[in-house]
Each structure stands twice: as C-alpha cells, then as structure tokens.
Amino acid sequence: MKPQTFMNLSGEAVQSYAAYYEIDPSAVIVVHDEADISFGEIRTKLGGGNAGHNGLKSITNKLGTKDFWRVRVGIGRPPDKMPLDAYVLARWSNDQKATLPTLIEHATHEVDQMLVNIQGDDV
C-alpha cells in the first residue's frame, strides 16, 4: 500500500490497513529513505529506532511497536551543513536521477526476497 497521508502521519494509514486486514506488525514492510546510509545503498532490518525519521515515529507510535521490517534506501547526508529537511525535499541531481531505475529495482528485489522468506517460514 502507499499511504495517501503526509509522510509524518503515515502511521495512521499503516495501522488502519494492518488492523483491517489483521496483519501483525512483524509482517509489515516499510520502505523509507535513510540519511545515515550512503546514496544508493539498501539495507533491511527488523525493528530498530527511528533516527529522527518522522514517518517511522508515526508508524511505531500507531502500531505500538518498533518491530516491523524496514527496507532502508540510502540518500546520504546533506552537503555543506544543509538542513536535513531541505535536503530531503531538494531536487535530485542528474546523477541521482540516472541511478533511480537501478535503485528502485534493487529495493523491489529486497522486498521480493523478504516476501519469499516470510512465505517460506509459513510453510
């Protein structure tokens, strides 16, 4: 699902969807940007903190747990003391735009692998 709320309120949509379909938080997969990872890197993990990410704060608050899956897509740190919020909302460079199709493909592959592993655990 893709929440139609503001990112800072995404927990409302995630919690509502998970409750309606009786999805345990441990089966929720959230794909999000991660400033603490270099641009283009992708990492997955179960649980963890929110590192100041307001969308993750909202989801954690609404689900009542931090134990959901994350696909963390690296955006890197802002250059030259630029505020993080301005960096996140800034236009992408031409190099970043060129990398986007591959980045999306890799993130999609990570989600696919997580789903295969989850299904394998249920069999």
Protein backbone atom coordinates (compact mmCIF):
# COMPACT_ATOMS: atom_id res chain seq x y z
CA MET A 1 0.00 0.00 0.00
CA LYS A 2 1.07 3.58 -0.49
CA PRO A 3 -0.32 5.86 2.24
CA GLN A 4 -2.10 8.93 0.97
CA THR A 5 -1.36 10.81 4.19
CA PHE A 6 1.55 13.15 4.71
CA MET A 7 4.74 11.17 5.40
CA ASN A 8 4.78 12.42 9.01
CA LEU A 9 1.34 10.82 9.52
CA SER A 10 1.94 7.59 7.60
CA GLY A 11 1.40 5.54 10.75
CA GLU A 12 -2.31 6.34 10.59
CA ALA A 13 -2.66 4.66 7.19
CA VAL A 14 -0.35 1.75 8.04
CA GLN A 15 -2.13 1.00 11.32
CA SER A 16 -5.57 1.26 9.73
CA TYR A 17 -4.61 -1.10 6.89
CA ALA A 18 -2.86 -3.57 9.21
CA ALA A 19 -5.84 -3.63 11.58
CA TYR A 20 -8.41 -4.06 8.80
CA TYR A 21 -6.52 -6.98 7.21
CA GLU A 22 -5.34 -8.38 10.57
CA ILE A 23 -1.67 -8.02 9.65
CA ASP A 24 0.74 -8.50 12.52
CA PRO A 25 3.27 -5.65 12.78
CA SER A 26 6.09 -8.18 12.31
CA ALA A 27 4.72 -8.79 8.78
CA VAL A 28 4.68 -5.08 7.87
CA ILE A 29 7.44 -3.96 5.46
CA VAL A 30 8.17 -0.23 5.28
CA VAL A 31 10.36 1.17 2.50
CA HIS A 32 11.88 4.50 3.52
CA ASP A 33 14.70 6.93 2.91
CA GLU A 34 17.68 6.75 5.25
CA ALA A 35 20.12 9.64 5.61
CA ASP A 36 22.57 7.54 7.65
CA ILE A 37 23.25 5.29 4.64
CA SER A 38 25.17 6.41 1.55
CA PHE A 39 23.11 7.27 -1.50
CA GLY A 40 22.13 4.14 -3.40
CA GLU A 41 22.81 1.61 -0.65
CA ILE A 42 19.93 -0.54 0.55
CA ARG A 43 19.74 -2.34 3.88
CA THR A 44 17.00 -4.31 5.56
CA LYS A 45 16.31 -4.94 9.22
CA LEU A 46 13.60 -5.87 11.65
CA GLY A 47 12.89 -3.26 14.29
CA GLY A 48 15.18 -0.53 15.47
CA GLY A 49 14.97 3.13 16.26
CA ASN A 50 13.62 5.89 14.09
CA ALA A 51 16.79 8.03 13.77
CA GLY A 52 14.63 11.15 13.78
CA HIS A 53 12.55 9.94 10.82
CA ASN A 54 9.05 11.30 11.45
CA GLY A 55 7.35 8.71 9.26
CA LEU A 56 8.94 5.89 11.27
CA LYS A 57 8.00 7.65 14.51
CA SER A 58 4.38 7.77 13.35
CA ILE A 59 4.33 4.12 12.30
CA THR A 60 5.97 2.99 15.56
CA ASN A 61 3.51 5.06 17.57
CA LYS A 62 0.42 3.80 15.73
CA LEU A 63 1.49 0.12 15.57
CA GLY A 64 2.57 0.24 19.21
CA THR A 65 5.86 -1.46 18.40
CA LYS A 66 9.12 -0.83 16.60
CA ASP A 67 9.24 -4.46 15.44
CA PHE A 68 8.29 -4.13 11.77
CA TRP A 69 10.50 -4.67 8.75
CA ARG A 70 12.35 -1.80 7.13
CA VAL A 71 13.88 -1.54 3.68
CA ARG A 72 16.20 1.40 4.17
CA VAL A 73 17.10 3.23 0.96
CA GLY A 74 20.18 5.38 1.42
CA ILE A 75 20.02 9.04 0.50
CA GLY A 76 23.23 10.08 2.27
CA ARG A 77 23.87 13.13 4.40
CA PRO A 78 23.25 16.69 3.19
CA PRO A 79 26.24 18.61 1.85
CA ASP A 80 27.70 21.77 3.38
CA LYS A 81 25.65 21.88 6.59
CA MET A 82 22.38 21.95 4.62
CA PRO A 83 19.42 21.19 6.92
CA LEU A 84 18.23 17.60 6.55
CA ASP A 85 14.61 18.60 5.79
CA ALA A 86 15.75 20.91 2.97
CA TYR A 87 18.00 18.15 1.61
CA VAL A 88 15.22 15.55 1.63
CA LEU A 89 12.88 17.92 -0.21
CA ALA A 90 15.50 19.20 -2.69
CA ARG A 91 15.55 18.24 -6.36
CA TRP A 92 17.65 15.23 -7.27
CA SER A 93 20.92 15.73 -9.12
CA ASN A 94 21.22 14.37 -12.67
CA ASP A 95 23.48 11.58 -11.36
CA GLN A 96 20.89 10.63 -8.74
CA LYS A 97 18.11 10.66 -11.34
CA ALA A 98 20.16 8.39 -13.59
CA THR A 99 20.63 5.94 -10.70
CA LEU A 100 16.93 5.87 -9.77
CA PRO A 101 15.77 2.98 -12.02
CA THR A 102 18.50 0.69 -10.66
CA LEU A 103 17.82 1.81 -7.10
CA ILE A 104 14.11 1.04 -7.46
CA GLU A 105 14.93 -2.34 -8.98
CA HIS A 106 17.22 -3.23 -6.07
CA ALA A 107 14.70 -2.07 -3.44
CA THR A 108 11.96 -4.08 -5.18
CA HIS A 109 14.22 -7.14 -5.18
CA GLU A 110 14.79 -6.76 -1.42
CA VAL A 111 11.04 -6.64 -0.79
CA ASP A 112 10.50 -9.66 -3.06
CA GLN A 113 13.14 -11.64 -1.14
CA MET A 114 11.56 -10.70 2.19
CA LEU A 115 8.16 -11.90 0.95
CA VAL A 116 9.64 -15.19 -0.28
CA ASN A 117 11.31 -15.71 3.10
CA ILE A 118 8.12 -14.86 5.01
CA GLN A 119 6.09 -17.30 2.88
CA GLY A 120 8.77 -19.96 3.34
CA ASP A 121 8.53 -19.58 7.11
CA ASP A 122 4.78 -20.17 6.99
CA VAL A 123 5.00 -23.40 5.01
